Amino acid sequence: MTFKDEPKGMERRTLLGSAGLAVLAAPAIWSGQALMSSKALAQEKKLAIDRVTPPDIHKFKLGSFDVLVVKDGSRASGTPNETFGTNQSAETVSALLADNFLPTDQFVNGFSPTLIDTGSDVILFDTGFGQSGHAMGAGRLVEGMASAGYMPGDVTKVVLTHLHGDHIGGLMEDGKPAFPKATYITGQTEYDFWVDGARAGTPAEGNQKSVLANVKPLADKMTFIGEGDDVAPGITGMLAPGHTPGMMIFNVESQGKRLILTADTANHFVLSLQRPDWEVKFDMDKAKAAATRKRVFDMIATDKVAFLGYHMPFPAVGYAEKQETGYRFVPKSYQFDI
C-alpha cells in the first residue's frame, strides 16, 4: 500500500482472539509529522503504514545501547487452563489467576519484538507476525520502528530466537526481505529441526511451512550459532531448549548494565513464572521447557538482573523475585532512566 491523502474519518482495527473472541478498537488519526523523527519523515513515502495511532513503543538505555520494544500486537485468547497448567485442574489454574487479580475465563497475549542500537549495529530480535497478522490488528513492528525513527533499511542484523510464526512472520514482505540490508542470525539446532523433511506429517508440519516460506529463502545471508556465540560485542547467545528444540536467549551487557532477552522461556507473567513446573500447551518438550524455565529464572533472580520476555505485559521488561513455588514478576520502572 502506498501513502494517500490524510484519511478524513476514523479507522477501526479488530483484534481477534484464538477462541473467536474479538476486541474492537478505534484508534485516533495521528500526524506523522508530529510523531515521526526527521529521519523517518525523509523516507516515509517508502514505508507502507496506516495513518492511525502508531503501536505502543517503549525506549530505554542499557549502558551505551538504545533499546526499543515494539508492541507488534496482542490478542485475547481462550480459557487459560487449556494453554497453561495443562497438567493441573481447571480449578487450580483459576485459583492462581484469581489470587493475582486476573480473569479466570480468558487471557491476553502480547508480542514484543525488540531492537537494540549498539551504535555500530541496529539489531532486531524477532519480527512479529508481519502481513499475516494484519487481519487481527497485529504485524505492526515496522510502524512502531518508524515512530521511533528506524526504517527497515536501517536494520543491520535480524536475530531469531526461535522459528515460531509469531517471531518470523515479519521477515518477508510481498515475497521480498522486509529488512533489505540485514544479515540474519539464528540457532543451528533450531534451524536444522525445522527444515528437516522429517517434520512432514507431524504436528510440526504447519509451522515448518512457515519456516520454509520465510526463513529458508534467507539462508545464504544467515549465520548459525550455538551456546556462547556472540551476536555482537556485548550480546551473547545461550541455548534454552524446550519450548522449541533449539530456542536461544540472549545476554546483553553494556557499561555494567545487563538485560536477558528470554524469548518464550516463560509465556505468562503469572502462570509460567509463579508455577514454572506447570506444563504449557505450546512447549514442544514440556519437561525440558520446565527445567529451562527454572534454570533461566533462577539465574535472573539470583543475579538480580532485568529480563525482557516476548510475551510479558508490555513493555515486557521486569525482574524475577524468587518465591517458594517460583518467581514473582516485578515490572521495571525508572531503573534505566537514572
Protein backbone atom coordinates (compact mmCIF):
# COMPACT_ATOMS: atom_id res chain seq x y z
CA MET A 1 0.00 0.00 0.00
CA THR A 2 1.31 3.48 -0.82
CA PHE A 3 0.60 6.70 1.05
CA LYS A 4 -2.54 8.56 0.16
CA ASP A 5 -4.00 11.81 1.47
CA GLU A 6 -4.72 12.08 5.17
CA PRO A 7 -7.80 9.96 5.96
CA LYS A 8 -10.91 12.01 6.62
CA GLY A 9 -12.51 9.73 9.18
CA MET A 10 -11.76 7.22 11.86
CA GLU A 11 -10.45 3.76 11.02
CA ARG A 12 -11.09 0.64 13.05
CA ARG A 13 -8.99 -2.39 13.74
CA THR A 14 -10.33 -5.67 15.05
CA LEU A 15 -8.31 -7.76 17.46
CA LEU A 16 -9.31 -11.41 17.10
CA GLY A 17 -8.73 -13.97 19.81
CA SER A 18 -7.73 -17.53 19.04
CA ALA A 19 -11.01 -18.70 20.61
CA GLY A 20 -13.06 -16.40 18.43
CA LEU A 21 -13.11 -13.51 20.89
CA ALA A 22 -12.87 -10.04 19.41
CA VAL A 23 -11.71 -6.79 20.90
CA LEU A 24 -12.69 -3.70 18.90
CA ALA A 25 -10.52 -0.62 18.93
CA ALA A 26 -10.92 2.70 17.14
CA PRO A 27 -7.54 4.44 17.17
CA ALA A 28 -7.42 8.17 16.56
CA ILE A 29 -5.90 9.65 13.45
CA TRP A 30 -2.33 10.76 14.04
CA SER A 31 0.01 13.24 12.44
CA GLY A 32 3.09 11.57 11.03
CA GLN A 33 4.84 14.94 11.12
CA ALA A 34 4.21 15.20 14.86
CA LEU A 35 5.24 11.68 15.81
CA MET A 36 7.92 10.60 13.37
CA SER A 37 11.51 11.71 13.52
CA SER A 38 13.03 13.73 10.69
CA LYS A 39 14.93 10.61 9.61
CA ALA A 40 11.70 8.66 9.23
CA LEU A 41 9.89 11.57 7.59
CA ALA A 42 12.52 11.74 4.88
CA GLN A 43 11.66 8.21 3.87
CA GLU A 44 8.01 7.92 4.87
CA LYS A 45 6.73 7.54 1.31
CA LYS A 46 8.81 4.38 1.06
CA LEU A 47 7.05 2.83 4.06
CA ALA A 48 3.58 1.33 3.86
CA ILE A 49 1.92 2.20 7.17
CA ASP A 50 -1.61 3.17 8.10
CA ARG A 51 -2.04 6.76 9.25
CA VAL A 52 -3.62 5.81 12.55
CA THR A 53 -2.27 5.89 16.08
CA PRO A 54 1.07 4.03 15.94
CA PRO A 55 1.54 0.93 18.05
CA ASP A 56 2.85 1.18 21.59
CA ILE A 57 6.61 1.52 21.81
CA HIS A 58 8.98 1.81 24.75
CA LYS A 59 12.54 3.14 24.67
CA PHE A 60 15.23 2.93 27.33
CA LYS A 61 19.00 2.96 27.69
CA LEU A 62 21.10 -0.07 28.60
CA GLY A 63 24.53 1.42 29.18
CA SER A 64 25.52 2.84 25.79
CA PHE A 65 22.88 0.76 23.95
CA ASP A 66 19.49 2.15 22.91
CA VAL A 67 16.70 -0.39 23.36
CA LEU A 68 13.33 -0.14 21.59
CA VAL A 69 10.44 -2.50 22.38
CA VAL A 70 7.52 -2.54 19.93
CA LYS A 71 4.10 -3.97 20.63
CA ASP A 72 3.52 -5.92 17.43
CA GLY A 73 0.00 -6.69 18.61
CA SER A 74 -1.99 -8.51 21.26
CA ARG A 75 -4.95 -10.83 21.32
CA ALA A 76 -7.49 -12.14 23.75
CA SER A 77 -7.25 -15.91 23.95
CA GLY A 78 -9.34 -18.75 25.27
CA THR A 79 -9.64 -20.48 28.62
CA PRO A 80 -6.28 -20.15 30.40
CA ASN A 81 -6.04 -23.74 31.65
CA GLU A 82 -6.27 -25.02 28.07
CA THR A 83 -2.88 -23.39 27.41
CA PHE A 84 -1.17 -23.04 30.80
CA GLY A 85 -1.14 -25.63 33.55
CA THR A 86 -2.47 -28.31 31.25
CA ASN A 87 -1.36 -30.91 33.81
CA GLN A 88 -3.39 -29.15 36.53
CA SER A 89 -7.09 -28.96 37.23
CA ALA A 90 -9.05 -26.01 35.85
CA GLU A 91 -9.90 -25.05 39.44
CA THR A 92 -6.21 -24.88 40.43
CA VAL A 93 -5.35 -22.65 37.48
CA SER A 94 -8.35 -20.41 38.10
CA ALA A 95 -7.45 -20.05 41.78
CA LEU A 96 -3.93 -18.80 40.94
CA LEU A 97 -5.32 -16.29 38.45
CA ALA A 98 -7.90 -15.03 40.95
CA ASP A 99 -5.20 -14.67 43.60
CA ASN A 100 -3.37 -12.39 41.17
CA PHE A 101 -6.45 -10.27 40.32
CA LEU A 102 -6.74 -11.74 36.83
CA PRO A 103 -9.79 -13.07 34.95
CA THR A 104 -10.21 -16.81 35.05
CA ASP A 105 -12.07 -17.28 31.77
CA GLN A 106 -9.58 -15.80 29.28
CA PHE A 107 -6.14 -14.21 29.00
CA VAL A 108 -4.41 -11.67 26.76
CA ASN A 109 -1.20 -12.48 24.93
CA GLY A 110 1.14 -9.74 23.70
CA PHE A 111 4.03 -9.86 21.21
CA SER A 112 7.12 -7.68 21.68
CA PRO A 113 9.93 -7.68 19.11
CA THR A 114 12.94 -5.70 20.31
CA LEU A 115 15.50 -3.53 18.55
CA ILE A 116 18.91 -2.78 20.07
CA ASP A 117 21.01 0.02 18.61
CA THR A 118 24.59 -0.57 19.76
CA GLY A 119 25.99 2.42 17.91
CA SER A 120 27.70 0.07 15.45
CA ASP A 121 24.74 -2.18 14.63
CA VAL A 122 20.97 -1.93 14.64
CA ILE A 123 19.92 -5.41 15.75
CA LEU A 124 16.33 -6.61 15.62
CA PHE A 125 15.34 -9.57 17.79
CA ASP A 126 12.35 -11.36 16.21
CA THR A 127 9.98 -9.86 13.68
CA GLY A 128 6.43 -10.40 14.90
CA PHE A 129 3.59 -11.51 12.63
CA GLY A 130 4.19 -9.29 9.61
CA GLN A 131 1.49 -9.21 6.97
CA SER A 132 -0.11 -12.40 8.29
CA GLY A 133 -1.12 -10.56 11.46
CA HIS A 134 -2.87 -7.59 9.89
CA ALA A 135 -6.31 -9.17 9.98
CA MET A 136 -6.17 -9.36 13.77
CA GLY A 137 -4.58 -5.96 14.27
CA ALA A 138 -1.02 -7.28 14.67
CA GLY A 139 2.03 -7.11 12.41
CA ARG A 140 2.83 -3.54 13.49
CA LEU A 141 6.57 -3.83 14.07
CA VAL A 142 7.61 -1.66 11.11
CA GLU A 143 5.14 1.07 12.11
CA GLY A 144 6.49 1.09 15.64
CA MET A 145 10.07 1.26 14.41
CA ALA A 146 9.18 4.19 12.15
CA SER A 147 7.60 6.14 15.00
CA ALA A 148 10.95 5.82 16.82
CA GLY A 149 12.94 6.88 13.75
CA TYR A 150 14.07 3.50 12.41
CA MET A 151 13.34 2.29 8.89
CA PRO A 152 13.62 -1.32 7.68
CA GLY A 153 16.78 -0.44 5.77
CA ASP A 154 18.45 0.69 8.99
CA VAL A 155 18.47 -2.83 10.45
CA THR A 156 21.88 -4.47 10.06
CA LYS A 157 21.15 -7.79 11.81
CA VAL A 158 17.97 -9.77 12.45
CA VAL A 159 18.24 -12.32 15.26
CA LEU A 160 15.61 -15.05 15.51
CA THR A 161 15.28 -16.53 18.99
CA HIS A 162 13.29 -19.43 17.57
CA LEU A 163 11.23 -20.11 14.48
CA HIS A 164 7.59 -19.99 15.54
CA GLY A 165 5.26 -17.99 13.31
CA ASP A 166 4.80 -15.03 15.66
CA HIS A 167 8.57 -14.49 15.60
CA ILE A 168 9.32 -15.00 11.89
CA GLY A 169 6.18 -13.68 10.18
CA GLY A 170 7.70 -10.25 9.58
CA LEU A 171 10.80 -11.48 7.76
CA MET A 172 9.28 -11.24 4.29
CA GLU A 173 7.10 -8.52 2.77
CA ASP A 174 5.33 -9.30 -0.52
CA GLY A 175 7.80 -12.10 -1.17
CA LYS A 176 10.88 -9.94 -0.56
CA PRO A 177 13.05 -9.48 2.55
CA ALA A 178 11.42 -6.90 4.81
CA PHE A 179 14.83 -5.76 6.09
CA PRO A 180 16.75 -5.50 2.82
CA LYS A 181 20.21 -4.64 4.18
CA ALA A 182 20.25 -7.07 7.09
CA THR A 183 22.09 -10.28 7.71
CA TYR A 184 20.39 -12.95 9.81
CA ILE A 185 21.26 -14.99 12.86
CA THR A 186 19.54 -17.98 14.44
CA GLY A 187 20.39 -21.14 16.32
CA GLN A 188 21.86 -24.02 14.35
CA THR A 189 19.84 -26.62 16.27
CA GLU A 190 16.63 -24.66 15.75
CA TYR A 191 17.10 -24.20 12.02
CA ASP A 192 18.10 -27.81 11.42
CA PHE A 193 15.00 -29.08 13.19
CA TRP A 194 12.52 -27.01 11.22
CA VAL A 195 13.94 -27.55 7.73
CA ASP A 196 14.28 -31.31 8.24
CA GLY A 197 11.91 -33.25 5.99
CA ALA A 198 11.07 -35.45 8.97
CA ARG A 199 8.63 -32.74 10.12
CA ALA A 200 6.26 -33.64 7.27
CA GLY A 201 3.18 -35.44 8.54
CA THR A 202 3.81 -34.42 12.17
CA PRO A 203 2.17 -31.71 14.33
CA ALA A 204 5.17 -29.52 13.44
CA GLU A 205 4.39 -29.56 9.72
CA GLY A 206 2.26 -26.41 9.76
CA ASN A 207 4.96 -24.29 11.34
CA GLN A 208 7.57 -25.87 9.10
CA LYS A 209 5.73 -24.48 6.08
CA SER A 210 6.10 -21.00 7.57
CA VAL A 211 9.82 -21.60 8.12
CA LEU A 212 10.30 -22.80 4.54
CA ALA A 213 8.48 -19.71 3.24
CA ASN A 214 10.02 -17.06 5.49
CA VAL A 215 13.37 -18.30 6.83
CA LYS A 216 14.90 -20.74 4.37
CA PRO A 217 14.97 -18.21 1.48
CA LEU A 218 17.33 -16.11 3.64
CA ALA A 219 19.70 -18.97 4.48
CA ASP A 220 22.51 -17.64 2.28
CA LYS A 221 22.59 -14.49 4.44
CA MET A 222 22.28 -16.37 7.72
CA THR A 223 24.81 -17.16 10.43
CA PHE A 224 24.00 -20.18 12.59
CA ILE A 225 25.09 -20.02 16.22
CA GLY A 226 25.15 -22.10 19.37
CA GLU A 227 25.79 -21.79 23.09
CA GLY A 228 28.16 -18.95 23.95
CA ASP A 229 28.38 -17.46 20.47
CA ASP A 230 28.32 -13.68 20.08
CA VAL A 231 25.82 -11.74 18.00
CA ALA A 232 27.77 -8.51 18.51
CA PRO A 233 30.12 -7.20 21.21
CA GLY A 234 28.16 -7.41 24.45
CA ILE A 235 25.44 -9.73 23.13
CA THR A 236 25.84 -13.49 23.64
CA GLY A 237 23.56 -16.41 22.86
CA MET A 238 22.51 -19.13 25.30
CA LEU A 239 20.62 -22.31 24.49
CA ALA A 240 17.18 -22.54 26.13
CA PRO A 241 15.50 -25.66 24.70
CA GLY A 242 12.06 -27.00 25.48
CA HIS A 243 9.63 -24.52 24.01
CA THR A 244 11.28 -25.49 20.74
CA PRO A 245 14.26 -27.83 20.29
CA GLY A 246 16.82 -25.05 19.76
CA MET A 247 15.40 -21.82 21.14
CA MET A 248 18.08 -19.31 22.13
CA ILE A 249 18.01 -16.47 24.63
CA PHE A 250 20.49 -13.62 24.77
CA ASN A 251 22.61 -11.96 27.45
CA VAL A 252 23.01 -8.25 26.68
CA GLU A 253 25.59 -6.15 28.55
CA SER A 254 26.80 -2.57 28.15
CA GLN A 255 28.72 -0.36 30.58
CA GLY A 256 27.87 -2.56 33.55
CA LYS A 257 24.15 -2.80 32.72
CA ARG A 258 22.66 -6.19 31.89
CA LEU A 259 19.46 -7.50 30.30
CA ILE A 260 18.43 -11.05 29.40
CA LEU A 261 16.19 -11.49 26.34
CA THR A 262 14.26 -14.60 27.43
CA ALA A 263 12.11 -15.05 24.30
CA ASP A 264 9.41 -17.67 25.09
CA THR A 265 11.08 -19.26 28.11
CA ALA A 266 8.05 -18.05 30.11
CA ASN A 267 4.90 -17.08 28.24
CA HIS A 268 2.70 -15.76 31.06
CA PHE A 269 3.85 -13.47 33.85
CA VAL A 270 1.84 -15.41 36.45
CA LEU A 271 1.06 -18.89 35.17
CA SER A 272 4.54 -19.61 33.78
CA LEU A 273 6.61 -17.71 36.36
CA GLN A 274 4.84 -18.44 39.64
CA ARG A 275 4.44 -22.08 38.62
CA PRO A 276 7.37 -22.91 36.31
CA ASP A 277 6.65 -26.65 36.61
CA TRP A 278 3.21 -26.33 35.06
CA GLU A 279 3.02 -27.66 31.53
CA VAL A 280 2.31 -25.30 28.63
CA LYS A 281 0.45 -26.43 25.54
CA PHE A 282 2.88 -24.86 23.07
CA ASP A 283 6.07 -26.17 24.70
CA MET A 284 7.24 -28.96 22.42
CA ASP A 285 9.19 -30.77 25.15
CA LYS A 286 7.29 -29.90 28.31
CA ALA A 287 9.70 -31.40 30.83
CA LYS A 288 12.71 -29.77 29.20
CA ALA A 289 10.87 -26.43 28.96
CA ALA A 290 10.09 -26.52 32.69
CA ALA A 291 13.73 -27.31 33.51
CA THR A 292 14.86 -24.43 31.28
CA ARG A 293 12.42 -22.02 32.95
CA LYS A 294 13.78 -22.85 36.38
CA ARG A 295 17.41 -22.65 35.27
CA VAL A 296 17.00 -19.32 33.47
CA PHE A 297 14.86 -17.59 36.07
CA ASP A 298 16.94 -18.89 38.96
CA MET A 299 19.85 -17.11 37.27
CA ILE A 300 17.83 -13.94 36.71
CA ALA A 301 16.53 -13.88 40.28
CA THR A 302 19.90 -14.71 41.84
CA ASP A 303 21.81 -12.16 39.77
CA LYS A 304 19.01 -9.57 40.18
CA VAL A 305 19.14 -8.67 36.50
CA ALA A 306 16.36 -7.43 34.27
CA PHE A 307 14.79 -9.59 31.59
CA LEU A 308 12.69 -8.93 28.53
CA GLY A 309 10.16 -11.66 27.76
CA TYR A 310 8.45 -11.67 24.38
CA HIS A 311 5.02 -12.33 25.91
CA MET A 312 5.35 -10.43 29.18
CA PRO A 313 2.97 -7.48 29.78
CA PHE A 314 4.09 -4.56 27.65
CA PRO A 315 6.75 -3.12 27.72
CA ALA A 316 7.75 -6.69 28.55
CA VAL A 317 10.67 -5.78 30.84
CA GLY A 318 10.99 -6.62 34.51
CA TYR A 319 12.65 -8.64 37.23
CA ALA A 320 12.00 -12.06 38.77
CA GLU A 321 11.80 -12.35 42.55
CA LYS A 322 12.31 -15.88 43.89
CA GLN A 323 9.35 -17.34 45.75
CA GLU A 324 8.67 -20.71 47.31
CA THR A 325 6.93 -22.10 44.22
CA GLY A 326 8.50 -20.00 41.50
CA TYR A 327 9.03 -16.32 40.74
CA ARG A 328 7.12 -13.06 41.03
CA PHE A 329 7.26 -10.73 38.04
CA VAL A 330 8.24 -7.18 39.02
CA PRO A 331 7.84 -4.71 36.11
CA LYS A 332 10.64 -2.23 35.57
CA SER A 333 10.04 1.41 36.37
CA TYR A 334 12.83 4.03 36.32
CA GLN A 335 15.85 1.74 36.82
CA PHE A 336 17.29 2.55 33.39
CA ASP A 337 16.45 6.24 33.45
CA ILE A 338 18.88 7.42 36.14
